[in-house]
Amino acid sequence: MLALLMTMATAGCGQGAVESPAPDATPAAHASPLAATPLSSDTPKGRSGTVVFQSDREGRSKLFAIDLSTLAVTRLTAGVDHHDVDPASSPDGTRLLFASTRFDTTTFDIARAAADGSAVQRLTAHRAFERYPCWASDGRSAFFAGEQEGTQALYRLALDTGEVTRVSTGPDRALHPAAAPDGRRLAYTLGTPDGLHVVVHDLTTGEIRRVDRGSDGAAWPAWSPDGTRLAVTRLRPDGA
């Protein structure tokens, strides 16, 4: 049985050619440490690992990493004329996927980089926006949301060949993909006439079922490491 963990948020309004990856000209040295927040006496002990996040703390959105043991923040990407958003770490922690306007300032494309933000490669090139990438559990393919066919839909990208295939079906828009650790299920946000809801799509059988309950709606699913639980952002129109 799949358990849901709910977080709260205020509800908001609201096939392209694949190029051969080419390294970005930005040197690896652009990754630089920022001022670290000192650990306080009430900081939980024994934390470890790194969280990658986006922030507009220095202007346009860029990617940063925070070391959970020291709270030191490192800038991973740089540049004043583009946005880098939606970071996703690979299953082995050595690479990143993200969406960026660095290749075309009028739209977002999917990019890949080393974990430190170096060796950026363009993975998609389409006039419509492409965002919210996530890794498949085997690290050999990725899912993302794009408007290649006029509405937001989910696609799978084979990282070795660049082949792109559509995953979501029907007229409803789909976004925020999250691949389950078992490699068989894909959770995502589905935009329906009655609002946003989280569904789980069985990639083997094609079955799609809604997993959030109530009338408020939900978005941004995230799997637990063992694939038995799913965290979602609960959408409350009143912000309560």
C-alpha atoms as a PDB file:
ATOM      1  CA  MET A   1       0.000   0.000   0.000  1.00  0.00           C
ATOM      2  CA  LEU A   2       1.208   3.469  -0.885  1.00  0.00           C
ATOM      3  CA  ALA A   3       1.179   5.949   2.011  1.00  0.00           C
ATOM      4  CA  LEU A   4       0.982   9.701   1.446  1.00  0.00           C
ATOM      5  CA  LEU A   5       2.862  12.366   3.359  1.00  0.00           C
ATOM      6  CA  MET A   6       1.216  15.756   2.925  1.00  0.00           C
ATOM      7  CA  THR A   7       2.893  19.158   3.031  1.00  0.00           C
ATOM      8  CA  MET A   8       1.025  22.442   2.841  1.00  0.00           C
ATOM      9  CA  ALA A   9       1.174  25.236   0.284  1.00  0.00           C
ATOM     10  CA  THR A  10      -0.989  28.036  -1.042  1.00  0.00           C
ATOM     11  CA  ALA A  11      -2.488  27.242  -4.425  1.00  0.00           C
ATOM     12  CA  GLY A  12      -1.171  29.405  -7.234  1.00  0.00           C
ATOM     13  CA  CYS A  13      -2.922  30.573 -10.433  1.00  0.00           C
ATOM     14  CA  GLY A  14      -2.430  29.148 -12.795  1.00  0.00           C
ATOM     15  CA  GLN A  15       9.268  16.446 -30.366  1.00  0.00           C
ATOM     16  CA  GLY A  16      11.958  18.457 -30.288  1.00  0.00           C
ATOM     17  CA  ALA A  17      15.331  17.792 -31.894  1.00  0.00           C
ATOM     18  CA  VAL A  18      17.959  16.510 -29.487  1.00  0.00           C
ATOM     19  CA  GLU A  19      21.397  17.929 -30.112  1.00  0.00           C
ATOM     20  CA  SER A  20      24.657  16.101 -29.560  1.00  0.00           C
ATOM     21  CA  PRO A  21      25.771  17.196 -26.091  1.00  0.00           C
ATOM     22  CA  ALA A  22      28.507  19.812 -26.121  1.00  0.00           C
ATOM     23  CA  PRO A  23      30.379  20.971 -23.000  1.00  0.00           C
ATOM     24  CA  ASP A  24      29.526  24.459 -21.814  1.00  0.00           C
ATOM     25  CA  ALA A  25      32.335  26.983 -22.049  1.00  0.00           C
ATOM     26  CA  THR A  26      32.018  27.878 -18.379  1.00  0.00           C
ATOM     27  CA  PRO A  27      35.005  26.368 -16.500  1.00  0.00           C
ATOM     28  CA  ALA A  28      34.549  24.085 -13.522  1.00  0.00           C
ATOM     29  CA  ALA A  29      36.112  26.776 -11.347  1.00  0.00           C
ATOM     30  CA  HIS A  30      32.784  28.638 -11.288  1.00  0.00           C
ATOM     31  CA  ALA A  31      31.675  26.415  -8.402  1.00  0.00           C
ATOM     32  CA  SER A  32      32.548  28.488  -5.379  1.00  0.00           C
ATOM     33  CA  PRO A  33      31.766  28.437  -1.658  1.00  0.00           C
ATOM     34  CA  LEU A  34      29.535  31.120  -0.199  1.00  0.00           C
ATOM     35  CA  ALA A  35      29.337  32.287   3.387  1.00  0.00           C
ATOM     36  CA  ALA A  36      28.383  29.281   5.505  1.00  0.00           C
ATOM     37  CA  THR A  37      25.756  29.570   8.209  1.00  0.00           C
ATOM     38  CA  PRO A  38      27.435  28.594  11.489  1.00  0.00           C
ATOM     39  CA  LEU A  39      26.039  25.546  13.265  1.00  0.00           C
ATOM     40  CA  SER A  40      24.072  26.487  16.359  1.00  0.00           C
ATOM     41  CA  SER A  41      23.791  24.558  19.595  1.00  0.00           C
ATOM     42  CA  ASP A  42      20.359  23.258  18.588  1.00  0.00           C
ATOM     43  CA  THR A  43      21.439  22.035  15.144  1.00  0.00           C
ATOM     44  CA  PRO A  44      20.603  18.311  14.783  1.00  0.00           C
ATOM     45  CA  LYS A  45      23.749  16.215  15.073  1.00  0.00           C
ATOM     46  CA  GLY A  46      24.657  13.421  12.708  1.00  0.00           C
ATOM     47  CA  ARG A  47      23.271  15.029   9.557  1.00  0.00           C
ATOM     48  CA  SER A  48      25.133  14.261   6.357  1.00  0.00           C
ATOM     49  CA  GLY A  49      24.696  14.558   2.622  1.00  0.00           C
ATOM     50  CA  THR A  50      24.116  17.389   0.179  1.00  0.00           C
ATOM     51  CA  VAL A  51      20.948  19.064  -1.055  1.00  0.00           C
ATOM     52  CA  VAL A  52      20.957  20.844  -4.416  1.00  0.00           C
ATOM     53  CA  PHE A  53      18.518  23.740  -4.803  1.00  0.00           C
ATOM     54  CA  GLN A  54      17.739  26.759  -6.963  1.00  0.00           C
ATOM     55  CA  SER A  55      17.790  30.325  -5.719  1.00  0.00           C
ATOM     56  CA  ASP A  56      17.604  33.869  -7.072  1.00  0.00           C
ATOM     57  CA  ARG A  57      19.681  35.130  -4.144  1.00  0.00           C
ATOM     58  CA  GLU A  58      22.223  36.614  -6.578  1.00  0.00           C
ATOM     59  CA  GLY A  59      19.888  37.741  -9.361  1.00  0.00           C
ATOM     60  CA  ARG A  60      18.536  35.271 -11.902  1.00  0.00           C
ATOM     61  CA  SER A  61      17.941  31.752 -10.616  1.00  0.00           C
ATOM     62  CA  LYS A  62      21.028  29.558 -10.295  1.00  0.00           C
ATOM     63  CA  LEU A  63      21.855  26.214  -8.698  1.00  0.00           C
ATOM     64  CA  PHE A  64      23.437  25.861  -5.257  1.00  0.00           C
ATOM     65  CA  ALA A  65      24.342  22.976  -2.948  1.00  0.00           C
ATOM     66  CA  ILE A  66      24.219  22.904   0.833  1.00  0.00           C
ATOM     67  CA  ASP A  67      26.316  20.512   2.899  1.00  0.00           C
ATOM     68  CA  LEU A  68      23.950  19.276   5.604  1.00  0.00           C
ATOM     69  CA  SER A  69      26.748  18.543   8.072  1.00  0.00           C
ATOM     70  CA  THR A  70      28.231  22.065   7.991  1.00  0.00           C
ATOM     71  CA  LEU A  71      25.451  24.127   6.329  1.00  0.00           C
ATOM     72  CA  ALA A  72      28.076  25.494   3.919  1.00  0.00           C
ATOM     73  CA  VAL A  73      26.511  26.641   0.639  1.00  0.00           C
ATOM     74  CA  THR A  74      28.315  26.281  -2.698  1.00  0.00           C
ATOM     75  CA  ARG A  75      27.330  27.966  -5.949  1.00  0.00           C
ATOM     76  CA  LEU A  76      27.147  25.388  -8.760  1.00  0.00           C
ATOM     77  CA  THR A  77      26.194  27.493 -11.782  1.00  0.00           C
ATOM     78  CA  ALA A  78      26.848  31.095 -12.723  1.00  0.00           C
ATOM     79  CA  GLY A  79      25.953  33.736 -15.310  1.00  0.00           C
ATOM     80  CA  VAL A  80      23.947  36.946 -15.332  1.00  0.00           C
ATOM     81  CA  ASP A  81      21.797  36.510 -18.449  1.00  0.00           C
ATOM     82  CA  HIS A  82      20.059  33.159 -17.949  1.00  0.00           C
ATOM     83  CA  HIS A  83      18.138  31.013 -15.450  1.00  0.00           C
ATOM     84  CA  ASP A  84      19.077  27.550 -14.140  1.00  0.00           C
ATOM     85  CA  VAL A  85      16.199  25.815 -12.313  1.00  0.00           C
ATOM     86  CA  ASP A  86      14.659  22.446 -11.341  1.00  0.00           C
ATOM     87  CA  PRO A  87      17.820  20.555 -10.263  1.00  0.00           C
ATOM     88  CA  ALA A  88      17.675  16.758  -9.914  1.00  0.00           C
ATOM     89  CA  SER A  89      20.573  14.595  -8.697  1.00  0.00           C
ATOM     90  CA  SER A  90      21.311  11.278 -10.408  1.00  0.00           C
ATOM     91  CA  PRO A  91      20.773   8.040  -8.440  1.00  0.00           C
ATOM     92  CA  ASP A  92      24.538   7.729  -7.871  1.00  0.00           C
ATOM     93  CA  GLY A  93      24.944  11.412  -6.967  1.00  0.00           C
ATOM     94  CA  THR A  94      27.543  12.145  -9.648  1.00  0.00           C
ATOM     95  CA  ARG A  95      25.434  14.167 -12.100  1.00  0.00           C
ATOM     96  CA  LEU A  96      22.676  16.753 -12.256  1.00  0.00           C
ATOM     97  CA  LEU A  97      19.761  17.380 -14.538  1.00  0.00           C
ATOM     98  CA  PHE A  98      18.218  20.834 -14.684  1.00  0.00           C
ATOM     99  CA  ALA A  99      16.326  23.243 -16.924  1.00  0.00           C
ATOM    100  CA  SER A 100      18.096  26.291 -18.298  1.00  0.00           C
ATOM    101  CA  THR A 101      17.693  29.297 -20.579  1.00  0.00           C
ATOM    102  CA  ARG A 102      21.453  29.498 -21.184  1.00  0.00           C
ATOM    103  CA  PHE A 103      21.113  27.973 -24.670  1.00  0.00           C
ATOM    104  CA  ASP A 104      18.126  30.070 -25.759  1.00  0.00           C
ATOM    105  CA  THR A 105      17.029  32.949 -23.546  1.00  0.00           C
ATOM    106  CA  THR A 106      13.448  32.690 -24.845  1.00  0.00           C
ATOM    107  CA  THR A 107      12.771  29.176 -23.535  1.00  0.00           C
ATOM    108  CA  PHE A 108      13.902  26.431 -21.146  1.00  0.00           C
ATOM    109  CA  ASP A 109      15.802  23.354 -22.298  1.00  0.00           C
ATOM    110  CA  ILE A 110      16.970  20.303 -20.347  1.00  0.00           C
ATOM    111  CA  ALA A 111      20.674  20.139 -19.464  1.00  0.00           C
ATOM    112  CA  ARG A 112      23.022  17.732 -17.705  1.00  0.00           C
ATOM    113  CA  ALA A 113      26.128  18.537 -15.647  1.00  0.00           C
ATOM    114  CA  ALA A 114      28.571  17.011 -13.225  1.00  0.00           C
ATOM    115  CA  ALA A 115      27.556  17.174  -9.567  1.00  0.00           C
ATOM    116  CA  ASP A 116      29.724  20.274  -9.066  1.00  0.00           C
ATOM    117  CA  GLY A 117      27.956  22.113 -11.905  1.00  0.00           C
ATOM    118  CA  SER A 118      30.785  21.734 -14.430  1.00  0.00           C
ATOM    119  CA  ALA A 119      30.718  20.178 -17.930  1.00  0.00           C
ATOM    120  CA  VAL A 120      27.203  21.387 -18.774  1.00  0.00           C
ATOM    121  CA  GLN A 121      25.607  19.594 -21.730  1.00  0.00           C
ATOM    122  CA  ARG A 122      22.477  20.522 -23.630  1.00  0.00           C
ATOM    123  CA  LEU A 123      20.120  17.548 -23.920  1.00  0.00           C
ATOM    124  CA  THR A 124      17.049  19.001 -25.635  1.00  0.00           C
ATOM    125  CA  ALA A 125      16.398  21.788 -28.097  1.00  0.00           C
ATOM    126  CA  HIS A 126      12.826  22.798 -28.815  1.00  0.00           C
ATOM    127  CA  ARG A 127      11.078  26.129 -29.231  1.00  0.00           C
ATOM    128  CA  ALA A 128       8.553  25.148 -26.564  1.00  0.00           C
ATOM    129  CA  PHE A 129       9.605  25.112 -22.931  1.00  0.00           C
ATOM    130  CA  GLU A 130      10.949  21.925 -21.320  1.00  0.00           C
ATOM    131  CA  ARG A 131      11.233  21.739 -17.523  1.00  0.00           C
ATOM    132  CA  TYR A 132      11.057  19.609 -14.361  1.00  0.00           C
ATOM    133  CA  PRO A 133      13.539  16.857 -15.289  1.00  0.00           C
ATOM    134  CA  CYS A 134      13.942  13.768 -13.131  1.00  0.00           C
ATOM    135  CA  TRP A 135      16.133  10.702 -13.430  1.00  0.00           C
ATOM    136  CA  ALA A 136      14.847   7.213 -14.102  1.00  0.00           C
ATOM    137  CA  SER A 137      15.985   4.803 -11.398  1.00  0.00           C
ATOM    138  CA  ASP A 138      18.634   3.219 -13.643  1.00  0.00           C
ATOM    139  CA  GLY A 139      20.237   6.591 -14.465  1.00  0.00           C
ATOM    140  CA  ARG A 140      20.059   5.856 -18.203  1.00  0.00           C
ATOM    141  CA  SER A 141      17.021   7.939 -19.052  1.00  0.00           C
ATOM    142  CA  ALA A 142      15.165  10.970 -17.772  1.00  0.00           C
ATOM    143  CA  PHE A 143      11.612  12.277 -17.652  1.00  0.00           C
ATOM    144  CA  PHE A 144      10.633  15.897 -18.209  1.00  0.00           C
ATOM    145  CA  ALA A 145       7.607  18.097 -18.917  1.00  0.00           C
ATOM    146  CA  GLY A 146       7.347  19.902 -22.227  1.00  0.00           C
ATOM    147  CA  GLU A 147       4.873  21.752 -24.436  1.00  0.00           C
ATOM    148  CA  GLN A 148       6.060  20.168 -27.655  1.00  0.00           C
ATOM    149  CA  GLU A 149       2.515  19.240 -28.677  1.00  0.00           C
ATOM    150  CA  GLY A 150       0.724  22.364 -27.479  1.00  0.00           C
ATOM    151  CA  THR A 151       0.062  21.457 -23.849  1.00  0.00           C
ATOM    152  CA  GLN A 152       2.221  20.310 -20.948  1.00  0.00           C
ATOM    153  CA  ALA A 153       2.937  16.600 -21.305  1.00  0.00           C
ATOM    154  CA  LEU A 154       5.558  14.219 -19.940  1.00  0.00           C
ATOM    155  CA  TYR A 155       8.313  12.742 -22.070  1.00  0.00           C
ATOM    156  CA  ARG A 156      11.082  10.210 -21.574  1.00  0.00           C
ATOM    157  CA  LEU A 157      14.574  10.993 -22.859  1.00  0.00           C
ATOM    158  CA  ALA A 158      17.083   8.217 -23.521  1.00  0.00           C
ATOM    159  CA  LEU A 159      20.364   9.770 -22.393  1.00  0.00           C
ATOM    160  CA  ASP A 160      22.568   7.622 -24.623  1.00  0.00           C
ATOM    161  CA  THR A 161      20.688   8.111 -27.911  1.00  0.00           C
ATOM    162  CA  GLY A 162      18.686  11.303 -27.346  1.00  0.00           C
ATOM    163  CA  GLU A 163      15.438   9.577 -28.326  1.00  0.00           C
ATOM    164  CA  VAL A 164      12.359  11.309 -26.877  1.00  0.00           C
ATOM    165  CA  THR A 165       9.030   9.514 -26.401  1.00  0.00           C
ATOM    166  CA  ARG A 166       5.784  10.754 -24.888  1.00  0.00           C
ATOM    167  CA  VAL A 167       4.694   9.123 -21.609  1.00  0.00           C
ATOM    168  CA  SER A 168       1.541  10.930 -20.419  1.00  0.00           C
ATOM    169  CA  THR A 169      -1.720  10.424 -22.279  1.00  0.00           C
ATOM    170  CA  GLY A 170      -4.930  12.342 -22.759  1.00  0.00           C
ATOM    171  CA  PRO A 171      -5.624  16.064 -23.027  1.00  0.00           C
ATOM    172  CA  ASP A 172      -4.889  16.977 -19.386  1.00  0.00           C
ATOM    173  CA  ARG A 173      -1.594  18.725 -18.759  1.00  0.00           C
ATOM    174  CA  ALA A 174       1.069  16.788 -16.857  1.00  0.00           C
ATOM    175  CA  LEU A 175       4.100  18.117 -14.992  1.00  0.00           C
ATOM    176  CA  HIS A 176       6.399  17.509 -11.980  1.00  0.00           C
ATOM    177  CA  PRO A 177       7.436  13.913 -12.803  1.00  0.00           C
ATOM    178  CA  ALA A 178       8.918  11.728 -10.046  1.00  0.00           C
ATOM    179  CA  ALA A 179      10.218   8.270 -10.961  1.00  0.00           C
ATOM    180  CA  ALA A 180       9.780   5.501  -8.395  1.00  0.00           C
ATOM    181  CA  PRO A 181      12.849   3.520  -7.256  1.00  0.00           C
ATOM    182  CA  ASP A 182      11.388   0.336  -8.758  1.00  0.00           C
ATOM    183  CA  GLY A 183      11.667   1.783 -12.267  1.00  0.00           C
ATOM    184  CA  ARG A 184       8.069   0.806 -13.019  1.00  0.00           C
ATOM    185  CA  ARG A 185       5.998   3.729 -11.688  1.00  0.00           C
ATOM    186  CA  LEU A 186       5.979   7.437 -12.436  1.00  0.00           C
ATOM    187  CA  ALA A 187       4.181   9.890 -10.160  1.00  0.00           C
ATOM    188  CA  TYR A 188       3.304  13.331 -11.481  1.00  0.00           C
ATOM    189  CA  THR A 189       0.972  16.295 -11.205  1.00  0.00           C
ATOM    190  CA  LEU A 190      -2.049  16.146 -13.495  1.00  0.00           C
ATOM    191  CA  GLY A 191      -3.938  19.314 -14.351  1.00  0.00           C
ATOM    192  CA  THR A 192      -7.634  18.432 -14.574  1.00  0.00           C
ATOM    193  CA  PRO A 193     -10.783  20.553 -14.960  1.00  0.00           C
ATOM    194  CA  ASP A 194     -11.209  20.465 -11.156  1.00  0.00           C
ATOM    195  CA  GLY A 195      -7.611  21.399 -10.331  1.00  0.00           C
ATOM    196  CA  LEU A 196      -4.191  19.837  -9.808  1.00  0.00           C
ATOM    197  CA  HIS A 197      -3.937  16.277  -8.513  1.00  0.00           C
ATOM    198  CA  VAL A 198      -1.161  13.705  -8.080  1.00  0.00           C
ATOM    199  CA  VAL A 199      -1.394  10.459 -10.000  1.00  0.00           C
ATOM    200  CA  VAL A 200       0.762   7.347 -10.230  1.00  0.00           C
ATOM    201  CA  HIS A 201       1.296   5.974 -13.738  1.00  0.00           C
ATOM    202  CA  ASP A 202       2.269   2.299 -14.070  1.00  0.00           C
ATOM    203  CA  LEU A 203       4.653   2.373 -17.018  1.00  0.00           C
ATOM    204  CA  THR A 204       4.232  -1.372 -17.600  1.00  0.00           C
ATOM    205  CA  THR A 205       0.445  -1.662 -17.640  1.00  0.00           C
ATOM    206  CA  GLY A 206      -0.466   1.934 -18.477  1.00  0.00           C
ATOM    207  CA  GLU A 207      -2.764   2.190 -15.450  1.00  0.00           C
ATOM    208  CA  ILE A 208      -3.110   5.727 -14.050  1.00  0.00           C
ATOM    209  CA  ARG A 209      -4.662   6.327 -10.652  1.00  0.00           C
ATOM    210  CA  ARG A 210      -5.122   9.417  -8.537  1.00  0.00           C
ATOM    211  CA  VAL A 211      -3.517   9.114  -5.093  1.00  0.00           C
ATOM    212  CA  ASP A 212      -4.373  12.388  -3.316  1.00  0.00           C
ATOM    213  CA  ARG A 213      -7.667  12.713  -1.496  1.00  0.00           C
ATOM    214  CA  GLY A 214     -10.096  15.547  -0.897  1.00  0.00           C
ATOM    215  CA  SER A 215     -10.986  18.571  -2.984  1.00  0.00           C
ATOM    216  CA  ASP A 216      -7.979  20.807  -2.275  1.00  0.00           C
ATOM    217  CA  GLY A 217      -5.660  19.264  -4.841  1.00  0.00           C
ATOM    218  CA  ALA A 218      -1.967  18.389  -4.682  1.00  0.00           C
ATOM    219  CA  ALA A 219       1.265  18.713  -6.661  1.00  0.00           C
ATOM    220  CA  TRP A 220       5.041  18.060  -6.581  1.00  0.00           C
ATOM    221  CA  PRO A 221       5.158  14.331  -5.682  1.00  0.00           C
ATOM    222  CA  ALA A 222       8.362  12.838  -4.222  1.00  0.00           C
ATOM    223  CA  TRP A 223       9.033   9.150  -3.476  1.00  0.00           C
ATOM    224  CA  SER A 224      10.517   7.748  -0.302  1.00  0.00           C
ATOM    225  CA  PRO A 225      13.804   5.851  -0.863  1.00  0.00           C
ATOM    226  CA  ASP A 226      12.047   2.479  -0.624  1.00  0.00           C
ATOM    227  CA  GLY A 227       9.188   3.481  -2.932  1.00  0.00           C
ATOM    228  CA  THR A 228       6.429   2.730  -0.394  1.00  0.00           C
ATOM    229  CA  ARG A 229       5.488   6.324   0.407  1.00  0.00           C
ATOM    230  CA  LEU A 230       4.836   9.444  -1.591  1.00  0.00           C
ATOM    231  CA  ALA A 231       5.131  13.013  -0.309  1.00  0.00           C
ATOM    232  CA  VAL A 232       3.052  15.668  -2.041  1.00  0.00           C
ATOM    233  CA  THR A 233       2.404  19.375  -1.646  1.00  0.00           C
ATOM    234  CA  ARG A 234      -1.202  19.892  -0.626  1.00  0.00           C
ATOM    235  CA  LEU A 235      -2.797  22.903  -2.283  1.00  0.00           C
ATOM    236  CA  ARG A 236      -5.051  25.070  -0.121  1.00  0.00           C
ATOM    237  CA  PRO A 237      -6.793  28.020  -1.805  1.00  0.00           C
ATOM    238  CA  ASP A 238      -7.089  29.814   1.542  1.00  0.00           C
ATOM    239  CA  GLY A 239      -3.407  29.340   2.408  1.00  0.00           C
ATOM    240  CA  ALA A 240      -4.282  27.686   5.730  1.00  0.00           C
END
